[in-house]
Structure formats: structure tokens, C-alpha cells
Amino acid sequence: DLERILSEEGILLRMNRSIQAEGSFGDLKQDMQFRRYISKGT
């Protein structure tokens, strides 16, 4: 796995994981000001 993540493709995929996954949470919490659910129940 280490050999893969250090390859050019691995660097590209890991960089985009950070942008896509972490960025989405940042958008929800910061830009959309989402702090808590307003409803109850699953």
C-alpha cells in the first residue's frame, strides 16, 4: 500500500480525497453554517 500511495497516481488520489472529503464537511459547517440537526429520530 505504501508503494502505491507514494506513486504519482497515489499522490493524485490522496490529494483529491482530502479536497473532496474534507472540503465537503468544511462547506457544510462553514459556508452553510450547519451546526446541529433540527429534527429527532433516525
PDB file of all heavy atoms in Angstrom:
ATOM      1  N   ASP A   1       0.831  -1.201   0.000  1.00  0.00           N
ATOM      2  CA  ASP A   1       0.000   0.000   0.000  1.00  0.00           C
ATOM      3  C   ASP A   1       0.871   1.258   0.000  1.00  0.00           C
ATOM      4  O   ASP A   1       0.578   2.231  -0.712  1.00  0.00           O
ATOM      5  CB  ASP A   1      -0.902  -0.013   1.235  1.00  0.00           C
ATOM      6  CG  ASP A   1      -1.705   1.262   1.405  1.00  0.00           C
ATOM      7  OD1 ASP A   1      -2.717   1.422   0.700  1.00  0.00           O
ATOM      8  OD2 ASP A   1      -1.311   2.106   2.227  1.00  0.00           O
ATOM      9  N   LEU A   2       1.954   1.239   0.773  1.00  0.00           N
ATOM     10  CA  LEU A   2       2.843   2.400   0.864  1.00  0.00           C
ATOM     11  C   LEU A   2       3.458   2.719  -0.496  1.00  0.00           C
ATOM     12  O   LEU A   2       3.580   3.890  -0.869  1.00  0.00           O
ATOM     13  CB  LEU A   2       3.929   2.144   1.896  1.00  0.00           C
ATOM     14  CG  LEU A   2       4.872   3.302   2.205  1.00  0.00           C
ATOM     15  CD1 LEU A   2       4.093   4.492   2.759  1.00  0.00           C
ATOM     16  CD2 LEU A   2       5.950   2.878   3.191  1.00  0.00           C
ATOM     17  N   GLU A   3       3.835   1.692  -1.227  1.00  0.00           N
ATOM     18  CA  GLU A   3       4.404   1.906  -2.559  1.00  0.00           C
ATOM     19  C   GLU A   3       3.379   2.555  -3.483  1.00  0.00           C
ATOM     20  O   GLU A   3       3.729   3.392  -4.325  1.00  0.00           O
ATOM     21  CB  GLU A   3       4.872   0.568  -3.140  1.00  0.00           C
ATOM     22  CG  GLU A   3       6.083  -0.002  -2.416  1.00  0.00           C
ATOM     23  CD  GLU A   3       6.469  -1.378  -2.917  1.00  0.00           C
ATOM     24  OE1 GLU A   3       5.819  -1.862  -3.886  1.00  0.00           O
ATOM     25  OE2 GLU A   3       7.395  -1.986  -2.365  1.00  0.00           O
ATOM     26  N   ARG A   4       2.110   2.192  -3.322  1.00  0.00           N
ATOM     27  CA  ARG A   4       1.061   2.778  -4.172  1.00  0.00           C
ATOM     28  C   ARG A   4       0.804   4.235  -3.811  1.00  0.00           C
ATOM     29  O   ARG A   4       0.683   5.089  -4.696  1.00  0.00           O
ATOM     30  CB  ARG A   4      -0.241   1.972  -4.047  1.00  0.00           C
ATOM     31  CG  ARG A   4      -0.261   0.700  -4.865  1.00  0.00           C
ATOM     32  CD  ARG A   4      -1.652   0.123  -4.954  1.00  0.00           C
ATOM     33  NE  ARG A   4      -2.116  -0.394  -3.675  1.00  0.00           N
ATOM     34  CZ  ARG A   4      -1.935  -1.635  -3.255  1.00  0.00           C
ATOM     35  NH1 ARG A   4      -1.281  -2.499  -4.010  1.00  0.00           N
ATOM     36  NH2 ARG A   4      -2.393  -2.043  -2.079  1.00  0.00           N
ATOM     37  N   ILE A   5       0.719   4.558  -2.520  1.00  0.00           N
ATOM     38  CA  ILE A   5       0.373   5.933  -2.161  1.00  0.00           C
ATOM     39  C   ILE A   5       1.507   6.909  -2.443  1.00  0.00           C
ATOM     40  O   ILE A   5       1.282   8.111  -2.542  1.00  0.00           O
ATOM     41  CB  ILE A   5      -0.070   6.064  -0.682  1.00  0.00           C
ATOM     42  CG1 ILE A   5       1.111   5.843   0.269  1.00  0.00           C
ATOM     43  CG2 ILE A   5      -1.208   5.111  -0.362  1.00  0.00           C
ATOM     44  CD1 ILE A   5       0.781   6.201   1.705  1.00  0.00           C
ATOM     45  N   LEU A   6       2.733   6.395  -2.575  1.00  0.00           N
ATOM     46  CA  LEU A   6       3.865   7.256  -2.888  1.00  0.00           C
ATOM     47  C   LEU A   6       4.092   7.405  -4.388  1.00  0.00           C
ATOM     48  O   LEU A   6       4.943   8.183  -4.815  1.00  0.00           O
ATOM     49  CB  LEU A   6       5.138   6.713  -2.230  1.00  0.00           C
ATOM     50  CG  LEU A   6       5.168   6.748  -0.695  1.00  0.00           C
ATOM     51  CD1 LEU A   6       6.443   6.123  -0.172  1.00  0.00           C
ATOM     52  CD2 LEU A   6       5.001   8.172  -0.177  1.00  0.00           C
ATOM     53  N   SER A   7       3.322   6.652  -5.189  1.00  0.00           N
ATOM     54  CA  SER A   7       3.421   6.776  -6.637  1.00  0.00           C
ATOM     55  C   SER A   7       2.730   8.057  -7.094  1.00  0.00           C
ATOM     56  O   SER A   7       2.022   8.719  -6.312  1.00  0.00           O
ATOM     57  CB  SER A   7       2.765   5.572  -7.316  1.00  0.00           C
ATOM     58  OG  SER A   7       1.365   5.576  -7.095  1.00  0.00           O
ATOM     59  N   GLU A   8       2.912   8.435  -8.349  1.00  0.00           N
ATOM     60  CA  GLU A   8       2.271   9.642  -8.880  1.00  0.00           C
ATOM     61  C   GLU A   8       0.756   9.530  -8.772  1.00  0.00           C
ATOM     62  O   GLU A   8       0.077  10.499  -8.410  1.00  0.00           O
ATOM     63  CB  GLU A   8       2.685   9.861 -10.334  1.00  0.00           C
ATOM     64  CG  GLU A   8       4.138  10.283 -10.503  1.00  0.00           C
ATOM     65  CD  GLU A   8       4.477  10.621 -11.942  1.00  0.00           C
ATOM     66  OE1 GLU A   8       3.543  10.695 -12.765  1.00  0.00           O
ATOM     67  OE2 GLU A   8       5.674  10.812 -12.252  1.00  0.00           O
ATOM     68  N   GLU A   9       0.226   8.358  -9.099  1.00  0.00           N
ATOM     69  CA  GLU A   9      -1.225   8.164  -9.014  1.00  0.00           C
ATOM     70  C   GLU A   9      -1.686   8.246  -7.563  1.00  0.00           C
ATOM     71  O   GLU A   9      -2.726   8.832  -7.262  1.00  0.00           O
ATOM     72  CB  GLU A   9      -1.617   6.817  -9.606  1.00  0.00           C
ATOM     73  CG  GLU A   9      -3.121   6.570  -9.600  1.00  0.00           C
ATOM     74  CD  GLU A   9      -3.513   5.249 -10.210  1.00  0.00           C
ATOM     75  OE1 GLU A   9      -2.680   4.324 -10.207  1.00  0.00           O
ATOM     76  OE2 GLU A   9      -4.661   5.134 -10.695  1.00  0.00           O
ATOM     77  N   GLY A  10      -0.902   7.652  -6.662  1.00  0.00           N
ATOM     78  CA  GLY A  10      -1.268   7.679  -5.254  1.00  0.00           C
ATOM     79  C   GLY A  10      -1.305   9.090  -4.697  1.00  0.00           C
ATOM     80  O   GLY A  10      -2.202   9.453  -3.926  1.00  0.00           O
ATOM     81  N   ILE A  11      -0.343   9.912  -5.064  1.00  0.00           N
ATOM     82  CA  ILE A  11      -0.310  11.309  -4.613  1.00  0.00           C
ATOM     83  C   ILE A  11      -1.524  12.057  -5.146  1.00  0.00           C
ATOM     84  O   ILE A  11      -2.160  12.845  -4.431  1.00  0.00           O
ATOM     85  CB  ILE A  11       0.988  11.984  -5.072  1.00  0.00           C
ATOM     86  CG1 ILE A  11       2.195  11.344  -4.366  1.00  0.00           C
ATOM     87  CG2 ILE A  11       0.960  13.487  -4.803  1.00  0.00           C
ATOM     88  CD1 ILE A  11       3.537  11.802  -4.899  1.00  0.00           C
ATOM     89  N   LEU A  12      -1.865  11.802  -6.410  1.00  0.00           N
ATOM     90  CA  LEU A  12      -3.027  12.453  -7.021  1.00  0.00           C
ATOM     91  C   LEU A  12      -4.310  12.064  -6.295  1.00  0.00           C
ATOM     92  O   LEU A  12      -5.143  12.925  -5.967  1.00  0.00           O
ATOM     93  CB  LEU A  12      -3.120  12.053  -8.496  1.00  0.00           C
ATOM     94  CG  LEU A  12      -4.335  12.571  -9.263  1.00  0.00           C
ATOM     95  CD1 LEU A  12      -4.269  14.091  -9.416  1.00  0.00           C
ATOM     96  CD2 LEU A  12      -4.446  11.907 -10.630  1.00  0.00           C
ATOM     97  N   LEU A  13      -4.488  10.763  -6.022  1.00  0.00           N
ATOM     98  CA  LEU A  13      -5.706  10.289  -5.369  1.00  0.00           C
ATOM     99  C   LEU A  13      -5.811  10.789  -3.931  1.00  0.00           C
ATOM    100  O   LEU A  13      -6.887  11.200  -3.488  1.00  0.00           O
ATOM    101  CB  LEU A  13      -5.751   8.757  -5.397  1.00  0.00           C
ATOM    102  CG  LEU A  13      -5.857   8.102  -6.774  1.00  0.00           C
ATOM    103  CD1 LEU A  13      -5.872   6.583  -6.649  1.00  0.00           C
ATOM    104  CD2 LEU A  13      -7.093   8.582  -7.519  1.00  0.00           C
ATOM    105  N   ARG A  14      -4.710  10.779  -3.202  1.00  0.00           N
ATOM    106  CA  ARG A  14      -4.754  11.232  -1.808  1.00  0.00           C
ATOM    107  C   ARG A  14      -5.032  12.726  -1.712  1.00  0.00           C
ATOM    108  O   ARG A  14      -5.749  13.180  -0.820  1.00  0.00           O
ATOM    109  CB  ARG A  14      -3.459  10.875  -1.094  1.00  0.00           C
ATOM    110  CG  ARG A  14      -3.319   9.392  -0.788  1.00  0.00           C
ATOM    111  CD  ARG A  14      -2.149   9.090   0.121  1.00  0.00           C
ATOM    112  NE  ARG A  14      -0.878   9.442  -0.486  1.00  0.00           N
ATOM    113  CZ  ARG A  14      -0.011  10.292   0.048  1.00  0.00           C
ATOM    114  NH1 ARG A  14      -0.288  10.902   1.188  1.00  0.00           N
ATOM    115  NH2 ARG A  14       1.138  10.548  -0.544  1.00  0.00           N
ATOM    116  N   MET A  15      -4.462  13.508  -2.630  1.00  0.00           N
ATOM    117  CA  MET A  15      -4.720  14.942  -2.627  1.00  0.00           C
ATOM    118  C   MET A  15      -6.198  15.215  -2.885  1.00  0.00           C
ATOM    119  O   MET A  15      -6.820  16.051  -2.210  1.00  0.00           O
ATOM    120  CB  MET A  15      -3.868  15.633  -3.687  1.00  0.00           C
ATOM    121  CG  MET A  15      -4.012  17.158  -3.691  1.00  0.00           C
ATOM    122  SD  MET A  15      -3.391  17.930  -5.194  1.00  0.00           S
ATOM    123  CE  MET A  15      -4.703  17.517  -6.345  1.00  0.00           C
ATOM    124  N   ASN A  16      -6.775  14.496  -3.828  1.00  0.00           N
ATOM    125  CA  ASN A  16      -8.174  14.712  -4.148  1.00  0.00           C
ATOM    126  C   ASN A  16      -9.116  14.158  -3.086  1.00  0.00           C
ATOM    127  O   ASN A  16     -10.205  14.688  -2.895  1.00  0.00           O
ATOM    128  CB  ASN A  16      -8.489  14.090  -5.513  1.00  0.00           C
ATOM    129  CG  ASN A  16      -8.094  14.994  -6.662  1.00  0.00           C
ATOM    130  OD1 ASN A  16      -8.851  15.856  -7.085  1.00  0.00           O
ATOM    131  ND2 ASN A  16      -6.878  14.817  -7.167  1.00  0.00           N
ATOM    132  N   ARG A  17      -8.699  13.116  -2.377  1.00  0.00           N
ATOM    133  CA  ARG A  17      -9.509  12.644  -1.253  1.00  0.00           C
ATOM    134  C   ARG A  17      -9.649  13.738  -0.211  1.00  0.00           C
ATOM    135  O   ARG A  17     -10.722  14.002   0.323  1.00  0.00           O
ATOM    136  CB  ARG A  17      -8.877  11.401  -0.612  1.00  0.00           C
ATOM    137  CG  ARG A  17      -9.765  10.772   0.480  1.00  0.00           C
ATOM    138  CD  ARG A  17      -8.967  10.188   1.622  1.00  0.00           C
ATOM    139  NE  ARG A  17      -8.337  11.217   2.433  1.00  0.00           N
ATOM    140  CZ  ARG A  17      -8.955  11.882   3.411  1.00  0.00           C
ATOM    141  NH1 ARG A  17     -10.227  11.633   3.695  1.00  0.00           N
ATOM    142  NH2 ARG A  17      -8.316  12.800   4.097  1.00  0.00           N
ATOM    143  N   SER A  18      -8.525  14.398   0.061  1.00  0.00           N
ATOM    144  CA  SER A  18      -8.532  15.470   1.041  1.00  0.00           C
ATOM    145  C   SER A  18      -9.446  16.612   0.598  1.00  0.00           C
ATOM    146  O   SER A  18     -10.239  17.140   1.379  1.00  0.00           O
ATOM    147  CB  SER A  18      -7.111  15.987   1.259  1.00  0.00           C
ATOM    148  OG  SER A  18      -7.100  17.052   2.180  1.00  0.00           O
ATOM    149  N   ILE A  19      -9.345  16.974  -0.683  1.00  0.00           N
ATOM    150  CA  ILE A  19     -10.176  18.068  -1.205  1.00  0.00           C
ATOM    151  C   ILE A  19     -11.655  17.701  -1.163  1.00  0.00           C
ATOM    152  O   ILE A  19     -12.498  18.478  -0.706  1.00  0.00           O
ATOM    153  CB  ILE A  19      -9.758  18.414  -2.647  1.00  0.00           C
ATOM    154  CG1 ILE A  19      -8.357  19.020  -2.678  1.00  0.00           C
ATOM    155  CG2 ILE A  19     -10.754  19.377  -3.287  1.00  0.00           C
ATOM    156  CD1 ILE A  19      -7.798  19.214  -4.075  1.00  0.00           C
ATOM    157  N   GLN A  20     -11.975  16.502  -1.631  1.00  0.00           N
ATOM    158  CA  GLN A  20     -13.368  16.110  -1.772  1.00  0.00           C
ATOM    159  C   GLN A  20     -14.036  15.778  -0.436  1.00  0.00           C
ATOM    160  O   GLN A  20     -15.142  16.246  -0.151  1.00  0.00           O
ATOM    161  CB  GLN A  20     -13.472  14.919  -2.725  1.00  0.00           C
ATOM    162  CG  GLN A  20     -13.066  15.252  -4.154  1.00  0.00           C
ATOM    163  CD  GLN A  20     -13.067  14.037  -5.063  1.00  0.00           C
ATOM    164  OE1 GLN A  20     -13.699  13.034  -4.770  1.00  0.00           O
ATOM    165  NE2 GLN A  20     -12.348  14.126  -6.166  1.00  0.00           N
ATOM    166  N   ALA A  21     -13.366  14.967   0.374  1.00  0.00           N
ATOM    167  CA  ALA A  21     -13.983  14.536   1.623  1.00  0.00           C
ATOM    168  C   ALA A  21     -13.955  15.637   2.681  1.00  0.00           C
ATOM    169  O   ALA A  21     -15.000  15.994   3.245  1.00  0.00           O
ATOM    170  CB  ALA A  21     -13.274  13.284   2.142  1.00  0.00           C
ATOM    171  N   GLU A  22     -12.780  16.175   2.944  1.00  0.00           N
ATOM    172  CA  GLU A  22     -12.676  17.206   3.979  1.00  0.00           C
ATOM    173  C   GLU A  22     -13.331  18.505   3.532  1.00  0.00           C
ATOM    174  O   GLU A  22     -13.931  19.223   4.335  1.00  0.00           O
ATOM    175  CB  GLU A  22     -11.200  17.444   4.328  1.00  0.00           C
ATOM    176  CG  GLU A  22     -10.417  16.203   4.706  1.00  0.00           C
ATOM    177  CD  GLU A  22     -10.986  15.483   5.912  1.00  0.00           C
ATOM    178  OE1 GLU A  22     -11.665  16.135   6.735  1.00  0.00           O
ATOM    179  OE2 GLU A  22     -10.766  14.263   6.026  1.00  0.00           O
ATOM    180  N   GLY A  23     -13.246  18.802   2.235  1.00  0.00           N
ATOM    181  CA  GLY A  23     -13.858  20.031   1.731  1.00  0.00           C
ATOM    182  C   GLY A  23     -15.361  20.046   1.889  1.00  0.00           C
ATOM    183  O   GLY A  23     -15.960  21.084   2.185  1.00  0.00           O
ATOM    184  N   SER A  24     -15.997  18.881   1.711  1.00  0.00           N
ATOM    185  CA  SER A  24     -17.460  18.800   1.844  1.00  0.00           C
ATOM    186  C   SER A  24     -17.906  19.117   3.261  1.00  0.00           C
ATOM    187  O   SER A  24     -18.899  19.822   3.469  1.00  0.00           O
ATOM    188  CB  SER A  24     -17.938  17.401   1.443  1.00  0.00           C
ATOM    189  OG  SER A  24     -17.679  17.154   0.078  1.00  0.00           O
ATOM    190  N   PHE A  25     -17.166  18.611   4.244  1.00  0.00           N
ATOM    191  CA  PHE A  25     -17.511  18.910   5.634  1.00  0.00           C
ATOM    192  C   PHE A  25     -17.271  20.382   5.944  1.00  0.00           C
ATOM    193  O   PHE A  25     -18.035  21.005   6.695  1.00  0.00           O
ATOM    194  CB  PHE A  25     -16.692  18.028   6.580  1.00  0.00           C
ATOM    195  CG  PHE A  25     -17.201  16.622   6.680  1.00  0.00           C
ATOM    196  CD1 PHE A  25     -16.681  15.632   5.875  1.00  0.00           C
ATOM    197  CD2 PHE A  25     -18.218  16.296   7.559  1.00  0.00           C
ATOM    198  CE1 PHE A  25     -17.148  14.327   5.949  1.00  0.00           C
ATOM    199  CE2 PHE A  25     -18.696  14.999   7.644  1.00  0.00           C
ATOM    200  CZ  PHE A  25     -18.159  14.007   6.836  1.00  0.00           C
ATOM    201  N   GLY A  26     -16.230  20.931   5.357  1.00  0.00           N
ATOM    202  CA  GLY A  26     -15.968  22.357   5.549  1.00  0.00           C
ATOM    203  C   GLY A  26     -17.072  23.209   4.952  1.00  0.00           C
ATOM    204  O   GLY A  26     -17.486  24.216   5.543  1.00  0.00           O
ATOM    205  N   ASP A  27     -17.569  22.833   3.776  1.00  0.00           N
ATOM    206  CA  ASP A  27     -18.660  23.572   3.140  1.00  0.00           C
ATOM    207  C   ASP A  27     -19.911  23.552   4.005  1.00  0.00           C
ATOM    208  O   ASP A  27     -20.579  24.578   4.189  1.00  0.00           O
ATOM    209  CB  ASP A  27     -18.972  22.970   1.765  1.00  0.00           C
ATOM    210  CG  ASP A  27     -17.870  23.221   0.758  1.00  0.00           C
ATOM    211  OD1 ASP A  27     -17.065  24.145   0.994  1.00  0.00           O
ATOM    212  OD2 ASP A  27     -17.816  22.498  -0.253  1.00  0.00           O
ATOM    213  N   LEU A  28     -20.243  22.368   4.531  1.00  0.00           N
ATOM    214  CA  LEU A  28     -21.457  22.235   5.340  1.00  0.00           C
ATOM    215  C   LEU A  28     -21.355  23.035   6.640  1.00  0.00           C
ATOM    216  O   LEU A  28     -22.294  23.741   7.021  1.00  0.00           O
ATOM    217  CB  LEU A  28     -21.726  20.764   5.661  1.00  0.00           C
ATOM    218  CG  LEU A  28     -22.189  19.867   4.509  1.00  0.00           C
ATOM    219  CD1 LEU A  28     -22.299  18.424   4.982  1.00  0.00           C
ATOM    220  CD2 LEU A  28     -23.534  20.336   3.969  1.00  0.00           C
ATOM    221  N   LYS A  29     -20.228  22.931   7.298  1.00  0.00           N
ATOM    222  CA  LYS A  29     -20.098  23.551   8.608  1.00  0.00           C
ATOM    223  C   LYS A  29     -19.801  25.038   8.536  1.00  0.00           C
ATOM    224  O   LYS A  29     -20.309  25.818   9.358  1.00  0.00           O
ATOM    225  CB  LYS A  29     -19.009  22.839   9.412  1.00  0.00           C
ATOM    226  CG  LYS A  29     -19.338  21.380   9.727  1.00  0.00           C
ATOM    227  CD  LYS A  29     -18.189  20.676  10.424  1.00  0.00           C
ATOM    228  CE  LYS A  29     -17.977  21.208  11.819  1.00  0.00           C
ATOM    229  NZ  LYS A  29     -16.943  20.447  12.548  1.00  0.00           N
ATOM    230  N   GLN A  30     -18.998  25.469   7.569  1.00  0.00           N
ATOM    231  CA  GLN A  30     -18.606  26.867   7.495  1.00  0.00           C
ATOM    232  C   GLN A  30     -19.501  27.671   6.559  1.00  0.00           C
ATOM    233  O   GLN A  30     -20.134  28.649   6.971  1.00  0.00           O
ATOM    234  CB  GLN A  30     -17.148  26.981   7.042  1.00  0.00           C
ATOM    235  CG  GLN A  30     -16.601  28.394   7.037  1.00  0.00           C
ATOM    236  CD  GLN A  30     -16.548  29.016   8.428  1.00  0.00           C
ATOM    237  OE1 GLN A  30     -16.300  28.307   9.407  1.00  0.00           O
ATOM    238  NE2 GLN A  30     -16.764  30.315   8.529  1.00  0.00           N
ATOM    239  N   ASP A  31     -19.573  27.258   5.297  1.00  0.00           N
ATOM    240  CA  ASP A  31     -20.324  28.030   4.309  1.00  0.00           C
ATOM    241  C   ASP A  31     -21.835  27.951   4.528  1.00  0.00           C
ATOM    242  O   ASP A  31     -22.539  28.951   4.392  1.00  0.00           O
ATOM    243  CB  ASP A  31     -19.994  27.547   2.891  1.00  0.00           C
ATOM    244  CG  ASP A  31     -18.526  27.788   2.541  1.00  0.00           C
ATOM    245  OD1 ASP A  31     -17.877  28.554   3.270  1.00  0.00           O
ATOM    246  OD2 ASP A  31     -18.045  27.202   1.559  1.00  0.00           O
ATOM    247  N   MET A  32     -22.322  26.741   4.851  1.00  0.00           N
ATOM    248  CA  MET A  32     -23.770  26.565   5.041  1.00  0.00           C
ATOM    249  C   MET A  32     -24.175  26.731   6.507  1.00  0.00           C
ATOM    250  O   MET A  32     -25.353  26.622   6.850  1.00  0.00           O
ATOM    251  CB  MET A  32     -24.202  25.196   4.519  1.00  0.00           C
ATOM    252  CG  MET A  32     -23.941  25.019   3.019  1.00  0.00           C
ATOM    253  SD  MET A  32     -24.292  23.354   2.401  1.00  0.00           S
ATOM    254  CE  MET A  32     -26.068  23.280   2.619  1.00  0.00           C
ATOM    255  N   GLN A  33     -23.179  26.945   7.371  1.00  0.00           N
ATOM    256  CA  GLN A  33     -23.423  27.199   8.798  1.00  0.00           C
ATOM    257  C   GLN A  33     -24.222  26.079   9.474  1.00  0.00           C
ATOM    258  O   GLN A  33     -25.056  26.318  10.348  1.00  0.00           O
ATOM    259  CB  GLN A  33     -24.159  28.540   8.977  1.00  0.00           C
ATOM    260  CG  GLN A  33     -23.333  29.751   8.583  1.00  0.00           C
ATOM    261  CD  GLN A  33     -22.102  29.929   9.465  1.00  0.00           C
ATOM    262  OE1 GLN A  33     -22.215  30.048  10.679  1.00  0.00           O
ATOM    263  NE2 GLN A  33     -20.920  29.920   8.845  1.00  0.00           N
ATOM    264  N   PHE A  34     -23.964  24.840   9.045  1.00  0.00           N
ATOM    265  CA  PHE A  34     -24.671  23.704   9.659  1.00  0.00           C
ATOM    266  C   PHE A  34     -23.947  23.293  10.933  1.00  0.00           C
ATOM    267  O   PHE A  34     -22.792  22.892  10.898  1.00  0.00           O
ATOM    268  CB  PHE A  34     -24.738  22.533   8.686  1.00  0.00           C
ATOM    269  CG  PHE A  34     -25.415  21.320   9.266  1.00  0.00           C
ATOM    270  CD1 PHE A  34     -26.793  21.304   9.441  1.00  0.00           C
ATOM    271  CD2 PHE A  34     -24.682  20.208   9.655  1.00  0.00           C
ATOM    272  CE1 PHE A  34     -27.428  20.197   9.987  1.00  0.00           C
ATOM    273  CE2 PHE A  34     -25.307  19.100  10.199  1.00  0.00           C
ATOM    274  CZ  PHE A  34     -26.678  19.088  10.370  1.00  0.00           C
ATOM    275  N   ARG A  35     -24.639  23.393  12.067  1.00  0.00           N
ATOM    276  CA  ARG A  35     -24.026  23.083  13.353  1.00  0.00           C
ATOM    277  C   ARG A  35     -24.715  21.915  14.072  1.00  0.00           C
ATOM    278  O   ARG A  35     -24.105  21.198  14.831  1.00  0.00           O
ATOM    279  CB  ARG A  35     -24.060  24.314  14.266  1.00  0.00           C
ATOM    280  CG  ARG A  35     -23.138  25.446  13.795  1.00  0.00           C
ATOM    281  CD  ARG A  35     -21.670  25.044  13.941  1.00  0.00           C
ATOM    282  NE  ARG A  35     -20.751  26.138  13.592  1.00  0.00           N
ATOM    283  CZ  ARG A  35     -20.282  26.365  12.385  1.00  0.00           C
ATOM    284  NH1 ARG A  35     -20.655  25.556  11.391  1.00  0.00           N
ATOM    285  NH2 ARG A  35     -19.458  27.363  12.134  1.00  0.00           N
ATOM    286  N   ARG A  36     -25.995  21.732  13.841  1.00  0.00           N
ATOM    287  CA  ARG A  36     -26.716  20.666  14.522  1.00  0.00           C
ATOM    288  C   ARG A  36     -27.988  20.318  13.759  1.00  0.00           C
ATOM    289  O   ARG A  36     -28.511  21.126  12.995  1.00  0.00           O
ATOM    290  CB  ARG A  36     -27.083  21.083  15.950  1.00  0.00           C
ATOM    291  CG  ARG A  36     -27.895  22.349  16.034  1.00  0.00           C
ATOM    292  CD  ARG A  36     -28.244  22.700  17.473  1.00  0.00           C
ATOM    293  NE  ARG A  36     -29.116  21.708  18.065  1.00  0.00           N
ATOM    294  CZ  ARG A  36     -29.602  21.773  19.309  1.00  0.00           C
ATOM    295  NH1 ARG A  36     -29.247  22.795  20.081  1.00  0.00           N
ATOM    296  NH2 ARG A  36     -30.386  20.847  19.775  1.00  0.00           N
ATOM    297  N   TYR A  37     -28.465  19.088  13.965  1.00  0.00           N
ATOM    298  CA  TYR A  37     -29.719  18.673  13.342  1.00  0.00           C
ATOM    299  C   TYR A  37     -30.884  19.311  14.094  1.00  0.00           C
ATOM    300  O   TYR A  37     -30.860  19.428  15.322  1.00  0.00           O
ATOM    301  CB  TYR A  37     -29.857  17.151  13.379  1.00  0.00           C
ATOM    302  CG  TYR A  37     -28.931  16.440  12.417  1.00  0.00           C
ATOM    303  CD1 TYR A  37     -27.693  15.961  12.845  1.00  0.00           C
ATOM    304  CD2 TYR A  37     -29.289  16.251  11.090  1.00  0.00           C
ATOM    305  CE1 TYR A  37     -26.834  15.315  11.972  1.00  0.00           C
ATOM    306  CE2 TYR A  37     -28.437  15.599  10.207  1.00  0.00           C
ATOM    307  CZ  TYR A  37     -27.221  15.142  10.652  1.00  0.00           C
ATOM    308  OH  TYR A  37     -26.370  14.502   9.781  1.00  0.00           O
ATOM    309  N   ILE A  38     -31.888  19.709  13.336  1.00  0.00           N
ATOM    310  CA  ILE A  38     -33.045  20.356  13.960  1.00  0.00           C
ATOM    311  C   ILE A  38     -34.175  19.363  14.205  1.00  0.00           C
ATOM    312  O   ILE A  38     -35.200  19.720  14.786  1.00  0.00           O
ATOM    313  CB  ILE A  38     -33.568  21.518  13.074  1.00  0.00           C
ATOM    314  CG1 ILE A  38     -34.000  20.997  11.698  1.00  0.00           C
ATOM    315  CG2 ILE A  38     -32.510  22.589  12.934  1.00  0.00           C
ATOM    316  CD1 ILE A  38     -34.635  22.055  10.817  1.00  0.00           C
ATOM    317  N   SER A  39     -34.001  18.116  13.768  1.00  0.00           N
ATOM    318  CA  SER A  39     -35.033  17.097  13.944  1.00  0.00           C
ATOM    319  C   SER A  39     -34.532  15.974  14.849  1.00  0.00           C
ATOM    320  O   SER A  39     -33.336  15.879  15.136  1.00  0.00           O
ATOM    321  CB  SER A  39     -35.446  16.525  12.589  1.00  0.00           C
ATOM    322  OG  SER A  39     -34.315  16.024  11.901  1.00  0.00           O
ATOM    323  N   LYS A  40     -35.441  15.118  15.261  1.00  0.00           N
ATOM    324  CA  LYS A  40     -35.119  13.975  16.104  1.00  0.00           C
ATOM    325  C   LYS A  40     -35.610  12.695  15.436  1.00  0.00           C
ATOM    326  O   LYS A  40     -36.533  12.718  14.636  1.00  0.00           O
ATOM    327  CB  LYS A  40     -35.771  14.124  17.486  1.00  0.00           C
ATOM    328  CG  LYS A  40     -35.239  15.290  18.311  1.00  0.00           C
ATOM    329  CD  LYS A  40     -35.889  15.323  19.680  1.00  0.00           C
ATOM    330  CE  LYS A  40     -35.344  16.470  20.530  1.00  0.00           C
ATOM    331  NZ  LYS A  40     -35.986  16.514  21.870  1.00  0.00           N
ATOM    332  N   GLY A  41     -34.978  11.593  15.778  1.00  0.00           N
ATOM    333  CA  GLY A  41     -35.373  10.314  15.209  1.00  0.00           C
ATOM    334  C   GLY A  41     -34.505   9.953  14.005  1.00  0.00           C
ATOM    335  O   GLY A  41     -34.109  10.827  13.230  1.00  0.00           O
ATOM    336  N   THR A  42     -34.240   8.667  13.851  1.00  0.00           N
ATOM    337  CA  THR A  42     -33.342   8.202  12.790  1.00  0.00           C
ATOM    338  C   THR A  42     -33.829   8.598  11.406  1.00  0.00           C
ATOM    339  O   THR A  42     -33.062   9.105  10.580  1.00  0.00           O
ATOM    340  CB  THR A  42     -33.192   6.670  12.863  1.00  0.00           C
ATOM    341  OG1 THR A  42     -32.705   6.295  14.154  1.00  0.00           O
ATOM    342  CG2 THR A  42     -32.212   6.173  11.794  1.00  0.00           C
TER     343      THR A  42
END
